[in-house]
């Protein structure tokens, strides 16, 4: 069901900048929910590429899990086996990606420490 959902999201991104989908299973545990949203100024081909890239990265970052979310510069993709549509989510998600080339590594370390402290404070 997860593969069907992710394929559906990638295909939908070729003609719409937002979509949510639910794939039903034979039992309630087999249901999977997903959505993507692209930036409003992103052209459809770029949106589709961003969603496809997100789905590909989620396959690596969240392998063997029943849920995942990834925010790239152009799009956001999320899926889970529990419904989240219309549910407020205040979870702070911090994932540092990419090389630190050209950045002041000491300043970046201080920033990371502050962000980690904020995330740990629950708030």
PDB file of N, CA and C in Angstrom:
ATOM      1  N   UNK A   1       0.809  -1.201   0.000  1.00  0.00           N
ATOM      2  CA  UNK A   1       0.000   0.000   0.000  1.00  0.00           C
ATOM      3  C   UNK A   1       0.852   1.265   0.000  1.00  0.00           C
ATOM      4  N   UNK A   2       1.963   1.228   0.713  1.00  0.00           N
ATOM      5  CA  UNK A   2       2.831   2.400   0.769  1.00  0.00           C
ATOM      6  C   UNK A   2       3.386   2.732  -0.613  1.00  0.00           C
ATOM      7  N   UNK A   3       3.834   1.719  -1.338  1.00  0.00           N
ATOM      8  CA  UNK A   3       4.349   1.972  -2.686  1.00  0.00           C
ATOM      9  C   UNK A   3       3.277   2.567  -3.582  1.00  0.00           C
ATOM     10  N   UNK A   4       2.045   2.077  -3.461  1.00  0.00           N
ATOM     11  CA  UNK A   4       0.936   2.624  -4.252  1.00  0.00           C
ATOM     12  C   UNK A   4       0.706   4.090  -3.911  1.00  0.00           C
ATOM     13  N   UNK A   5       0.742   4.415  -2.628  1.00  0.00           N
ATOM     14  CA  UNK A   5       0.533   5.798  -2.198  1.00  0.00           C
ATOM     15  C   UNK A   5       1.623   6.711  -2.739  1.00  0.00           C
ATOM     16  N   UNK A   6       2.873   6.325  -2.553  1.00  0.00           N
ATOM     17  CA  UNK A   6       3.980   7.172  -2.985  1.00  0.00           C
ATOM     18  C   UNK A   6       3.990   7.344  -4.500  1.00  0.00           C
ATOM     19  N   UNK A   7       3.665   6.286  -5.232  1.00  0.00           N
ATOM     20  CA  UNK A   7       3.558   6.382  -6.690  1.00  0.00           C
ATOM     21  C   UNK A   7       2.447   7.338  -7.077  1.00  0.00           C
ATOM     22  N   UNK A   8       1.325   7.255  -6.376  1.00  0.00           N
ATOM     23  CA  UNK A   8       0.197   8.147  -6.642  1.00  0.00           C
ATOM     24  C   UNK A   8       0.577   9.608  -6.403  1.00  0.00           C
ATOM     25  N   UNK A   9       1.307   9.881  -5.328  1.00  0.00           N
ATOM     26  CA  UNK A   9       1.726  11.249  -5.032  1.00  0.00           C
ATOM     27  C   UNK A   9       2.662  11.783  -6.115  1.00  0.00           C
ATOM     28  N   UNK A  10       3.621  10.970  -6.522  1.00  0.00           N
ATOM     29  CA  UNK A  10       4.570  11.391  -7.562  1.00  0.00           C
ATOM     30  C   UNK A  10       3.834  11.662  -8.871  1.00  0.00           C
ATOM     31  N   UNK A  11       2.918  10.779  -9.256  1.00  0.00           N
ATOM     32  CA  UNK A  11       2.161  10.968 -10.499  1.00  0.00           C
ATOM     33  C   UNK A  11       1.288  12.215 -10.431  1.00  0.00           C
ATOM     34  N   UNK A  12       0.667  12.449  -9.301  1.00  0.00           N
ATOM     35  CA  UNK A  12      -0.222  13.597  -9.131  1.00  0.00           C
ATOM     36  C   UNK A  12       0.533  14.920  -9.220  1.00  0.00           C
ATOM     37  N   UNK A  13       1.803  14.908  -8.826  1.00  0.00           N
ATOM     38  CA  UNK A  13       2.601  16.137  -8.823  1.00  0.00           C
ATOM     39  C   UNK A  13       2.899  16.653 -10.225  1.00  0.00           C
ATOM     40  N   UNK A  14       2.617  15.863 -11.247  1.00  0.00           N
ATOM     41  CA  UNK A  14       2.845  16.340 -12.614  1.00  0.00           C
ATOM     42  C   UNK A  14       1.769  17.326 -13.056  1.00  0.00           C
ATOM     43  N   UNK A  15       0.636  17.371 -12.337  1.00  0.00           N
ATOM     44  CA  UNK A  15      -0.450  18.265 -12.748  1.00  0.00           C
ATOM     45  C   UNK A  15      -1.068  19.078 -11.612  1.00  0.00           C
ATOM     46  N   UNK A  16      -0.570  18.939 -10.385  1.00  0.00           N
ATOM     47  CA  UNK A  16      -1.136  19.693  -9.267  1.00  0.00           C
ATOM     48  C   UNK A  16      -0.043  19.994  -8.248  1.00  0.00           C
ATOM     49  N   UNK A  17      -0.082  21.193  -7.664  1.00  0.00           N
ATOM     50  CA  UNK A  17       0.950  21.561  -6.692  1.00  0.00           C
ATOM     51  C   UNK A  17       0.636  21.072  -5.278  1.00  0.00           C
ATOM     52  N   UNK A  18      -0.545  20.464  -5.082  1.00  0.00           N
ATOM     53  CA  UNK A  18      -0.912  19.896  -3.781  1.00  0.00           C
ATOM     54  C   UNK A  18      -1.806  18.687  -4.013  1.00  0.00           C
ATOM     55  N   UNK A  19      -1.617  17.684  -3.208  1.00  0.00           N
ATOM     56  CA  UNK A  19      -2.532  16.547  -3.239  1.00  0.00           C
ATOM     57  C   UNK A  19      -2.404  15.773  -1.935  1.00  0.00           C
ATOM     58  N   UNK A  20      -3.509  15.185  -1.519  1.00  0.00           N
ATOM     59  CA  UNK A  20      -3.452  14.229  -0.419  1.00  0.00           C
ATOM     60  C   UNK A  20      -4.170  12.983  -0.888  1.00  0.00           C
ATOM     61  N   UNK A  21      -3.778  11.871  -0.329  1.00  0.00           N
ATOM     62  CA  UNK A  21      -4.321  10.599  -0.791  1.00  0.00           C
ATOM     63  C   UNK A  21      -4.385   9.613   0.367  1.00  0.00           C
ATOM     64  N   UNK A  22      -5.317   8.709   0.263  1.00  0.00           N
ATOM     65  CA  UNK A  22      -5.450   7.618   1.229  1.00  0.00           C
ATOM     66  C   UNK A  22      -5.558   6.323   0.446  1.00  0.00           C
ATOM     67  N   UNK A  23      -4.757   5.355   0.793  1.00  0.00           N
ATOM     68  CA  UNK A  23      -4.832   4.033   0.173  1.00  0.00           C
ATOM     69  C   UNK A  23      -5.383   3.085   1.231  1.00  0.00           C
ATOM     70  N   UNK A  24      -6.548   2.533   0.937  1.00  0.00           N
ATOM     71  CA  UNK A  24      -7.205   1.619   1.869  1.00  0.00           C
ATOM     72  C   UNK A  24      -6.582   0.231   1.763  1.00  0.00           C
ATOM     73  N   UNK A  25      -6.591  -0.467   2.862  1.00  0.00           N
ATOM     74  CA  UNK A  25      -6.092  -1.828   2.882  1.00  0.00           C
ATOM     75  C   UNK A  25      -7.199  -2.783   3.265  1.00  0.00           C
ATOM     76  N   UNK A  26      -6.847  -4.032   3.389  1.00  0.00           N
ATOM     77  CA  UNK A  26      -7.840  -5.038   3.761  1.00  0.00           C
ATOM     78  C   UNK A  26      -8.192  -4.954   5.243  1.00  0.00           C
ATOM     79  N   UNK A  27      -7.366  -4.264   6.022  1.00  0.00           N
ATOM     80  CA  UNK A  27      -7.653  -4.053   7.441  1.00  0.00           C
ATOM     81  C   UNK A  27      -7.247  -2.622   7.803  1.00  0.00           C
ATOM     82  N   UNK A  28      -7.725  -2.110   8.936  1.00  0.00           N
ATOM     83  CA  UNK A  28      -7.373  -0.738   9.331  1.00  0.00           C
ATOM     84  C   UNK A  28      -5.863  -0.505   9.465  1.00  0.00           C
ATOM     85  N   UNK A  29      -5.112  -1.536   9.813  1.00  0.00           N
ATOM     86  CA  UNK A  29      -3.664  -1.395   9.950  1.00  0.00           C
ATOM     87  C   UNK A  29      -2.967  -1.222   8.603  1.00  0.00           C
ATOM     88  N   UNK A  30      -3.658  -1.564   7.520  1.00  0.00           N
ATOM     89  CA  UNK A  30      -3.062  -1.489   6.185  1.00  0.00           C
ATOM     90  C   UNK A  30      -3.333  -0.170   5.472  1.00  0.00           C
ATOM     91  N   UNK A  31      -4.057   0.744   6.109  1.00  0.00           N
ATOM     92  CA  UNK A  31      -4.363   2.036   5.492  1.00  0.00           C
ATOM     93  C   UNK A  31      -3.135   2.935   5.593  1.00  0.00           C
ATOM     94  N   UNK A  32      -2.862   3.694   4.529  1.00  0.00           N
ATOM     95  CA  UNK A  32      -1.746   4.641   4.551  1.00  0.00           C
ATOM     96  C   UNK A  32      -2.217   5.976   3.970  1.00  0.00           C
ATOM     97  N   UNK A  33      -1.786   7.055   4.626  1.00  0.00           N
ATOM     98  CA  UNK A  33      -2.189   8.414   4.263  1.00  0.00           C
ATOM     99  C   UNK A  33      -0.952   9.176   3.797  1.00  0.00           C
ATOM    100  N   UNK A  34      -1.141  10.071   2.848  1.00  0.00           N
ATOM    101  CA  UNK A  34      -0.001  10.850   2.384  1.00  0.00           C
ATOM    102  C   UNK A  34      -0.415  12.155   1.751  1.00  0.00           C
ATOM    103  N   UNK A  35       0.529  13.064   1.688  1.00  0.00           N
ATOM    104  CA  UNK A  35       0.293  14.339   1.005  1.00  0.00           C
ATOM    105  C   UNK A  35       1.612  14.917   0.551  1.00  0.00           C
ATOM    106  N   UNK A  36       1.506  15.834  -0.394  1.00  0.00           N
ATOM    107  CA  UNK A  36       2.640  16.658  -0.771  1.00  0.00           C
ATOM    108  C   UNK A  36       2.112  18.057  -1.031  1.00  0.00           C
ATOM    109  N   UNK A  37       2.984  19.031  -0.906  1.00  0.00           N
ATOM    110  CA  UNK A  37       2.653  20.406  -1.260  1.00  0.00           C
ATOM    111  C   UNK A  37       3.913  21.061  -1.795  1.00  0.00           C
ATOM    112  N   UNK A  38       3.767  21.674  -2.970  1.00  0.00           N
ATOM    113  CA  UNK A  38       4.888  22.385  -3.582  1.00  0.00           C
ATOM    114  C   UNK A  38       4.734  23.877  -3.353  1.00  0.00           C
ATOM    115  N   UNK A  39       5.847  24.581  -3.415  1.00  0.00           N
ATOM    116  CA  UNK A  39       5.807  26.041  -3.336  1.00  0.00           C
ATOM    117  C   UNK A  39       4.941  26.579  -4.459  1.00  0.00           C
ATOM    118  N   UNK A  40       4.222  27.647  -4.186  1.00  0.00           N
ATOM    119  CA  UNK A  40       3.300  28.210  -5.161  1.00  0.00           C
ATOM    120  C   UNK A  40       3.958  28.738  -6.415  1.00  0.00           C
ATOM    121  N   UNK A  41       5.228  29.133  -6.322  1.00  0.00           N
ATOM    122  CA  UNK A  41       5.911  29.684  -7.491  1.00  0.00           C
ATOM    123  C   UNK A  41       6.671  28.626  -8.287  1.00  0.00           C
ATOM    124  N   UNK A  42       6.510  27.366  -7.927  1.00  0.00           N
ATOM    125  CA  UNK A  42       7.217  26.283  -8.601  1.00  0.00           C
ATOM    126  C   UNK A  42       6.423  25.816  -9.815  1.00  0.00           C
ATOM    127  N   UNK A  43       7.073  25.704 -10.962  1.00  0.00           N
ATOM    128  CA  UNK A  43       6.427  25.184 -12.170  1.00  0.00           C
ATOM    129  C   UNK A  43       6.120  23.699 -11.966  1.00  0.00           C
ATOM    130  N   UNK A  44       5.102  23.199 -12.637  1.00  0.00           N
ATOM    131  CA  UNK A  44       4.684  21.802 -12.460  1.00  0.00           C
ATOM    132  C   UNK A  44       5.819  20.799 -12.686  1.00  0.00           C
ATOM    133  N   UNK A  45       6.632  20.946 -13.738  1.00  0.00           N
ATOM    134  CA  UNK A  45       7.728  19.974 -13.891  1.00  0.00           C
ATOM    135  C   UNK A  45       8.690  19.990 -12.702  1.00  0.00           C
ATOM    136  N   UNK A  46       8.948  21.185 -12.155  1.00  0.00           N
ATOM    137  CA  UNK A  46       9.835  21.291 -10.993  1.00  0.00           C
ATOM    138  C   UNK A  46       9.177  20.713  -9.744  1.00  0.00           C
ATOM    139  N   UNK A  47       7.876  20.908  -9.615  1.00  0.00           N
ATOM    140  CA  UNK A  47       7.123  20.325  -8.501  1.00  0.00           C
ATOM    141  C   UNK A  47       7.216  18.803  -8.568  1.00  0.00           C
ATOM    142  N   UNK A  48       6.958  18.251  -9.745  1.00  0.00           N
ATOM    143  CA  UNK A  48       7.003  16.795  -9.918  1.00  0.00           C
ATOM    144  C   UNK A  48       8.393  16.255  -9.600  1.00  0.00           C
ATOM    145  N   UNK A  49       9.432  16.975 -10.036  1.00  0.00           N
ATOM    146  CA  UNK A  49      10.791  16.545  -9.758  1.00  0.00           C
ATOM    147  C   UNK A  49      11.091  16.590  -8.263  1.00  0.00           C
ATOM    148  N   UNK A  50      10.616  17.637  -7.593  1.00  0.00           N
ATOM    149  CA  UNK A  50      10.842  17.787  -6.155  1.00  0.00           C
ATOM    150  C   UNK A  50      10.150  16.667  -5.374  1.00  0.00           C
ATOM    151  N   UNK A  51       8.900  16.383  -5.717  1.00  0.00           N
ATOM    152  CA  UNK A  51       8.158  15.325  -5.023  1.00  0.00           C
ATOM    153  C   UNK A  51       8.831  13.973  -5.263  1.00  0.00           C
ATOM    154  N   UNK A  52       9.240  13.716  -6.495  1.00  0.00           N
ATOM    155  CA  UNK A  52       9.921  12.451  -6.799  1.00  0.00           C
ATOM    156  C   UNK A  52      11.224  12.337  -6.011  1.00  0.00           C
ATOM    157  N   UNK A  53      11.968  13.430  -5.924  1.00  0.00           N
ATOM    158  CA  UNK A  53      13.222  13.434  -5.159  1.00  0.00           C
ATOM    159  C   UNK A  53      12.944  13.197  -3.673  1.00  0.00           C
ATOM    160  N   UNK A  54      11.899  13.835  -3.145  1.00  0.00           N
ATOM    161  CA  UNK A  54      11.531  13.648  -1.733  1.00  0.00           C
ATOM    162  C   UNK A  54      11.171  12.200  -1.444  1.00  0.00           C
ATOM    163  N   UNK A  55      10.344  11.625  -2.313  1.00  0.00           N
ATOM    164  CA  UNK A  55       9.930  10.230  -2.127  1.00  0.00           C
ATOM    165  C   UNK A  55      11.146   9.314  -2.166  1.00  0.00           C
ATOM    166  N   UNK A  56      12.060   9.578  -3.084  1.00  0.00           N
ATOM    167  CA  UNK A  56      13.274   8.776  -3.181  1.00  0.00           C
ATOM    168  C   UNK A  56      14.113   8.897  -1.911  1.00  0.00           C
ATOM    169  N   UNK A  57      14.276  10.117  -1.405  1.00  0.00           N
ATOM    170  CA  UNK A  57      15.062  10.325  -0.187  1.00  0.00           C
ATOM    171  C   UNK A  57      14.374   9.726   1.036  1.00  0.00           C
ATOM    172  N   UNK A  58      13.050   9.827   1.089  1.00  0.00           N
ATOM    173  CA  UNK A  58      12.317   9.227   2.209  1.00  0.00           C
ATOM    174  C   UNK A  58      12.511   7.718   2.230  1.00  0.00           C
ATOM    175  N   UNK A  59      12.621   7.117   1.052  1.00  0.00           N
ATOM    176  CA  UNK A  59      12.865   5.679   0.975  1.00  0.00           C
ATOM    177  C   UNK A  59      14.167   5.283   1.646  1.00  0.00           C
ATOM    178  N   UNK A  60      15.146   6.172   1.605  1.00  0.00           N
ATOM    179  CA  UNK A  60      16.439   5.916   2.242  1.00  0.00           C
ATOM    180  C   UNK A  60      16.410   6.329   3.713  1.00  0.00           C
ATOM    181  N   UNK A  61      15.903   7.551   3.973  1.00  0.00           N
ATOM    182  CA  UNK A  61      15.904   8.085   5.338  1.00  0.00           C
ATOM    183  C   UNK A  61      14.961   7.339   6.274  1.00  0.00           C
ATOM    184  N   UNK A  62      13.838   6.882   5.737  1.00  0.00           N
ATOM    185  CA  UNK A  62      12.793   6.282   6.576  1.00  0.00           C
ATOM    186  C   UNK A  62      12.478   4.856   6.151  1.00  0.00           C
ATOM    187  N   UNK A  63      13.478   4.127   5.696  1.00  0.00           N
ATOM    188  CA  UNK A  63      13.218   2.755   5.252  1.00  0.00           C
ATOM    189  C   UNK A  63      12.738   1.910   6.428  1.00  0.00           C
ATOM    190  N   UNK A  64      11.890   0.975   6.133  1.00  0.00           N
ATOM    191  CA  UNK A  64      11.347   0.051   7.131  1.00  0.00           C
ATOM    192  C   UNK A  64      10.539   0.752   8.218  1.00  0.00           C
ATOM    193  N   UNK A  65       9.935   1.899   7.894  1.00  0.00           N
ATOM    194  CA  UNK A  65       9.069   2.590   8.845  1.00  0.00           C
ATOM    195  C   UNK A  65       7.692   2.779   8.229  1.00  0.00           C
ATOM    196  N   UNK A  66       6.728   3.085   9.066  1.00  0.00           N
ATOM    197  CA  UNK A  66       5.356   3.269   8.580  1.00  0.00           C
ATOM    198  C   UNK A  66       5.014   4.737   8.394  1.00  0.00           C
ATOM    199  N   UNK A  67       6.000   5.633   8.514  1.00  0.00           N
ATOM    200  CA  UNK A  67       5.729   7.050   8.314  1.00  0.00           C
ATOM    201  C   UNK A  67       6.999   7.829   8.101  1.00  0.00           C
ATOM    202  N   UNK A  68       6.839   8.989   7.483  1.00  0.00           N
ATOM    203  CA  UNK A  68       7.983   9.855   7.263  1.00  0.00           C
ATOM    204  C   UNK A  68       7.530  11.187   6.714  1.00  0.00           C
ATOM    205  N   UNK A  69       8.375  12.188   6.860  1.00  0.00           N
ATOM    206  CA  UNK A  69       8.098  13.518   6.320  1.00  0.00           C
ATOM    207  C   UNK A  69       9.424  14.148   5.934  1.00  0.00           C
ATOM    208  N   UNK A  70       9.391  14.908   4.841  1.00  0.00           N
ATOM    209  CA  UNK A  70      10.598  15.571   4.381  1.00  0.00           C
ATOM    210  C   UNK A  70      10.232  16.904   3.748  1.00  0.00           C
ATOM    211  N   UNK A  71      10.905  17.946   4.195  1.00  0.00           N
ATOM    212  CA  UNK A  71      10.733  19.286   3.634  1.00  0.00           C
ATOM    213  C   UNK A  71      11.980  19.612   2.832  1.00  0.00           C
ATOM    214  N   UNK A  72      11.820  19.778   1.539  1.00  0.00           N
ATOM    215  CA  UNK A  72      12.902  20.256   0.690  1.00  0.00           C
ATOM    216  C   UNK A  72      12.633  21.721   0.372  1.00  0.00           C
ATOM    217  N   UNK A  73      13.519  22.342  -0.374  1.00  0.00           N
ATOM    218  CA  UNK A  73      13.336  23.759  -0.683  1.00  0.00           C
ATOM    219  C   UNK A  73      12.044  24.009  -1.454  1.00  0.00           C
ATOM    220  N   UNK A  74      11.665  23.093  -2.324  1.00  0.00           N
ATOM    221  CA  UNK A  74      10.499  23.320  -3.170  1.00  0.00           C
ATOM    222  C   UNK A  74       9.235  22.601  -2.768  1.00  0.00           C
ATOM    223  N   UNK A  75       9.336  21.607  -1.885  1.00  0.00           N
ATOM    224  CA  UNK A  75       8.133  20.828  -1.575  1.00  0.00           C
ATOM    225  C   UNK A  75       8.232  20.144  -0.214  1.00  0.00           C
ATOM    226  N   UNK A  76       7.077  19.718   0.253  1.00  0.00           N
ATOM    227  CA  UNK A  76       6.947  18.970   1.504  1.00  0.00           C
ATOM    228  C   UNK A  76       6.184  17.696   1.187  1.00  0.00           C
ATOM    229  N   UNK A  77       6.676  16.562   1.661  1.00  0.00           N
ATOM    230  CA  UNK A  77       6.011  15.271   1.465  1.00  0.00           C
ATOM    231  C   UNK A  77       5.905  14.590   2.823  1.00  0.00           C
ATOM    232  N   UNK A  78       4.737  14.020   3.098  1.00  0.00           N
ATOM    233  CA  UNK A  78       4.522  13.308   4.365  1.00  0.00           C
ATOM    234  C   UNK A  78       3.623  12.109   4.120  1.00  0.00           C
ATOM    235  N   UNK A  79       3.914  11.011   4.817  1.00  0.00           N
ATOM    236  CA  UNK A  79       3.040   9.841   4.793  1.00  0.00           C
ATOM    237  C   UNK A  79       3.065   9.175   6.159  1.00  0.00           C
ATOM    238  N   UNK A  80       1.992   8.462   6.470  1.00  0.00           N
ATOM    239  CA  UNK A  80       1.920   7.764   7.753  1.00  0.00           C
ATOM    240  C   UNK A  80       0.794   6.746   7.690  1.00  0.00           C
ATOM    241  N   UNK A  81       0.819   5.787   8.607  1.00  0.00           N
ATOM    242  CA  UNK A  81      -0.287   4.831   8.669  1.00  0.00           C
ATOM    243  C   UNK A  81      -1.360   5.288   9.654  1.00  0.00           C
ATOM    244  N   UNK A  82      -1.178   6.459  10.244  1.00  0.00           N
ATOM    245  CA  UNK A  82      -2.203   7.087  11.091  1.00  0.00           C
ATOM    246  C   UNK A  82      -2.616   8.387  10.409  1.00  0.00           C
ATOM    247  N   UNK A  83      -3.903   8.667  10.410  1.00  0.00           N
ATOM    248  CA  UNK A  83      -4.364   9.877   9.737  1.00  0.00           C
ATOM    249  C   UNK A  83      -3.798  11.125  10.401  1.00  0.00           C
ATOM    250  N   UNK A  84      -3.358  12.058   9.594  1.00  0.00           N
ATOM    251  CA  UNK A  84      -2.817  13.318  10.110  1.00  0.00           C
ATOM    252  C   UNK A  84      -3.455  14.512   9.419  1.00  0.00           C
ATOM    253  N   UNK A  85      -4.277  14.283   8.425  1.00  0.00           N
ATOM    254  CA  UNK A  85      -4.925  15.381   7.709  1.00  0.00           C
ATOM    255  C   UNK A  85      -5.893  16.093   8.641  1.00  0.00           C
ATOM    256  N   UNK A  86      -5.733  17.388   8.772  1.00  0.00           N
ATOM    257  CA  UNK A  86      -6.589  18.177   9.652  1.00  0.00           C
ATOM    258  C   UNK A  86      -6.209  18.096  11.116  1.00  0.00           C
ATOM    259  N   UNK A  87      -5.097  17.430  11.420  1.00  0.00           N
ATOM    260  CA  UNK A  87      -4.635  17.288  12.802  1.00  0.00           C
ATOM    261  C   UNK A  87      -3.440  18.215  13.002  1.00  0.00           C
ATOM    262  N   UNK A  88      -3.514  19.075  14.015  1.00  0.00           N
ATOM    263  CA  UNK A  88      -2.418  20.000  14.287  1.00  0.00           C
ATOM    264  C   UNK A  88      -1.180  19.224  14.712  1.00  0.00           C
ATOM    265  N   UNK A  89      -0.049  19.591  14.147  1.00  0.00           N
ATOM    266  CA  UNK A  89       1.213  18.926  14.458  1.00  0.00           C
ATOM    267  C   UNK A  89       2.240  19.987  14.826  1.00  0.00           C
ATOM    268  N   UNK A  90       2.610  20.031  16.092  1.00  0.00           N
ATOM    269  CA  UNK A  90       3.590  21.013  16.559  1.00  0.00           C
ATOM    270  C   UNK A  90       4.962  20.378  16.761  1.00  0.00           C
ATOM    271  N   UNK A  91       5.143  19.200  16.210  1.00  0.00           N
ATOM    272  CA  UNK A  91       6.406  18.509  16.350  1.00  0.00           C
ATOM    273  C   UNK A  91       7.510  19.310  15.675  1.00  0.00           C
ATOM    274  N   UNK A  92       8.598  19.504  16.381  1.00  0.00           N
ATOM    275  CA  UNK A  92       9.752  20.179  15.802  1.00  0.00           C
ATOM    276  C   UNK A  92      10.621  19.110  15.166  1.00  0.00           C
ATOM    277  N   UNK A  93      10.828  19.254  13.880  1.00  0.00           N
ATOM    278  CA  UNK A  93      11.650  18.292  13.162  1.00  0.00           C
ATOM    279  C   UNK A  93      12.903  19.017  12.703  1.00  0.00           C
ATOM    280  N   UNK A  94      14.035  18.473  13.050  1.00  0.00           N
ATOM    281  CA  UNK A  94      15.301  19.083  12.675  1.00  0.00           C
ATOM    282  C   UNK A  94      16.157  18.033  11.992  1.00  0.00           C
ATOM    283  N   UNK A  95      16.488  18.286  10.765  1.00  0.00           N
ATOM    284  CA  UNK A  95      17.375  17.397  10.026  1.00  0.00           C
ATOM    285  C   UNK A  95      18.302  18.284   9.218  1.00  0.00           C
ATOM    286  N   UNK A  96      19.569  18.226   9.513  1.00  0.00           N
ATOM    287  CA  UNK A  96      20.538  19.034   8.788  1.00  0.00           C
ATOM    288  C   UNK A  96      21.036  18.222   7.606  1.00  0.00           C
ATOM    289  N   UNK A  97      20.895  18.767   6.419  1.00  0.00           N
ATOM    290  CA  UNK A  97      21.314  18.064   5.213  1.00  0.00           C
ATOM    291  C   UNK A  97      22.297  18.920   4.433  1.00  0.00           C
ATOM    292  N   UNK A  98      23.143  18.282   3.698  1.00  0.00           N
ATOM    293  CA  UNK A  98      24.064  19.001   2.829  1.00  0.00           C
ATOM    294  C   UNK A  98      25.370  19.318   3.529  1.00  0.00           C
ATOM    295  N   UNK A  99      26.388  19.592   2.727  1.00  0.00           N
ATOM    296  CA  UNK A  99      27.699  19.910   3.297  1.00  0.00           C
ATOM    297  C   UNK A  99      27.726  21.313   3.879  1.00  0.00           C
ATOM    298  N   UNK A 100      28.659  21.540   4.778  1.00  0.00           N
ATOM    299  CA  UNK A 100      28.815  22.852   5.406  1.00  0.00           C
ATOM    300  C   UNK A 100      29.864  23.690   4.685  1.00  0.00           C
ATOM    301  N   UNK A 101      30.077  23.439   3.429  1.00  0.00           N
ATOM    302  CA  UNK A 101      31.089  24.143   2.649  1.00  0.00           C
ATOM    303  C   UNK A 101      30.767  25.631   2.599  1.00  0.00           C
ATOM    304  N   UNK A 102      31.749  26.457   2.925  1.00  0.00           N
ATOM    305  CA  UNK A 102      31.572  27.903   2.838  1.00  0.00           C
ATOM    306  C   UNK A 102      30.928  28.531   4.063  1.00  0.00           C
ATOM    307  N   UNK A 103      30.661  27.745   5.089  1.00  0.00           N
ATOM    308  CA  UNK A 103      30.040  28.280   6.293  1.00  0.00           C
ATOM    309  C   UNK A 103      31.055  28.310   7.422  1.00  0.00           C
ATOM    310  N   UNK A 104      30.861  29.212   8.350  1.00  0.00           N
ATOM    311  CA  UNK A 104      31.665  29.289   9.558  1.00  0.00           C
ATOM    312  C   UNK A 104      31.247  28.112  10.434  1.00  0.00           C
ATOM    313  N   UNK A 105      32.094  27.085  10.516  1.00  0.00           N
ATOM    314  CA  UNK A 105      31.716  25.865  11.230  1.00  0.00           C
ATOM    315  C   UNK A 105      31.455  26.118  12.709  1.00  0.00           C
ATOM    316  N   UNK A 106      32.176  27.060  13.315  1.00  0.00           N
ATOM    317  CA  UNK A 106      31.934  27.366  14.727  1.00  0.00           C
ATOM    318  C   UNK A 106      30.543  27.981  14.911  1.00  0.00           C
ATOM    319  N   UNK A 107      30.176  28.897  14.027  1.00  0.00           N
ATOM    320  CA  UNK A 107      28.847  29.513  14.096  1.00  0.00           C
ATOM    321  C   UNK A 107      27.763  28.468  13.855  1.00  0.00           C
ATOM    322  N   UNK A 108      28.008  27.557  12.923  1.00  0.00           N
ATOM    323  CA  UNK A 108      27.025  26.506  12.643  1.00  0.00           C
ATOM    324  C   UNK A 108      26.871  25.583  13.853  1.00  0.00           C
ATOM    325  N   UNK A 109      27.963  25.288  14.540  1.00  0.00           N
ATOM    326  CA  UNK A 109      27.897  24.443  15.737  1.00  0.00           C
ATOM    327  C   UNK A 109      27.087  25.117  16.834  1.00  0.00           C
ATOM    328  N   UNK A 110      27.287  26.427  17.016  1.00  0.00           N
ATOM    329  CA  UNK A 110      26.504  27.163  18.016  1.00  0.00           C
ATOM    330  C   UNK A 110      25.022  27.150  17.639  1.00  0.00           C
ATOM    331  N   UNK A 111      24.733  27.366  16.344  1.00  0.00           N
ATOM    332  CA  UNK A 111      23.342  27.345  15.878  1.00  0.00           C
ATOM    333  C   UNK A 111      22.709  25.978  16.138  1.00  0.00           C
ATOM    334  N   UNK A 112      23.445  24.911  15.816  1.00  0.00           N
ATOM    335  CA  UNK A 112      22.924  23.562  16.026  1.00  0.00           C
ATOM    336  C   UNK A 112      22.647  23.296  17.500  1.00  0.00           C
ATOM    337  N   UNK A 113      23.508  23.793  18.382  1.00  0.00           N
ATOM    338  CA  UNK A 113      23.306  23.604  19.820  1.00  0.00           C
ATOM    339  C   UNK A 113      22.045  24.321  20.287  1.00  0.00           C
ATOM    340  N   UNK A 114      21.819  25.531  19.790  1.00  0.00           N
ATOM    341  CA  UNK A 114      20.614  26.286  20.158  1.00  0.00           C
ATOM    342  C   UNK A 114      19.367  25.574  19.644  1.00  0.00           C
ATOM    343  N   UNK A 115      19.392  25.129  18.384  1.00  0.00           N
ATOM    344  CA  UNK A 115      18.233  24.429  17.825  1.00  0.00           C
ATOM    345  C   UNK A 115      17.947  23.131  18.575  1.00  0.00           C
ATOM    346  N   UNK A 116      19.001  22.405  18.938  1.00  0.00           N
ATOM    347  CA  UNK A 116      18.812  21.168  19.694  1.00  0.00           C
ATOM    348  C   UNK A 116      18.214  21.459  21.066  1.00  0.00           C
ATOM    349  N   UNK A 117      18.671  22.534  21.710  1.00  0.00           N
ATOM    350  CA  UNK A 117      18.126  22.903  23.023  1.00  0.00           C
ATOM    351  C   UNK A 117      16.656  23.284  22.903  1.00  0.00           C
ATOM    352  N   UNK A 118      16.319  24.027  21.855  1.00  0.00           N
ATOM    353  CA  UNK A 118      14.915  24.397  21.645  1.00  0.00           C
ATOM    354  C   UNK A 118      14.053  23.172  21.382  1.00  0.00           C
ATOM    355  N   UNK A 119      14.558  22.261  20.565  1.00  0.00           N
ATOM    356  CA  UNK A 119      13.798  21.050  20.259  1.00  0.00           C
ATOM    357  C   UNK A 119      13.619  20.203  21.511  1.00  0.00           C
ATOM    358  N   UNK A 120      14.640  20.148  22.358  1.00  0.00           N
ATOM    359  CA  UNK A 120      14.571  19.371  23.587  1.00  0.00           C
ATOM    360  C   UNK A 120      13.668  19.985  24.639  1.00  0.00           C
ATOM    361  N   UNK A 121      13.422  21.299  24.530  1.00  0.00           N
ATOM    362  CA  UNK A 121      12.588  21.991  25.514  1.00  0.00           C
ATOM    363  C   UNK A 121      11.107  21.747  25.282  1.00  0.00           C
ATOM    364  N   UNK A 122      10.770  21.124  24.146  1.00  0.00           N
ATOM    365  CA  UNK A 122       9.370  20.796  23.881  1.00  0.00           C
ATOM    366  C   UNK A 122       8.540  21.980  23.459  1.00  0.00           C
ATOM    367  N   UNK A 123       9.185  23.007  22.951  1.00  0.00           N
ATOM    368  CA  UNK A 123       8.351  24.047  22.671  1.00  0.00           C
ATOM    369  C   UNK A 123       8.341  25.092  21.785  1.00  0.00           C
TER     370      UNK A 123
END
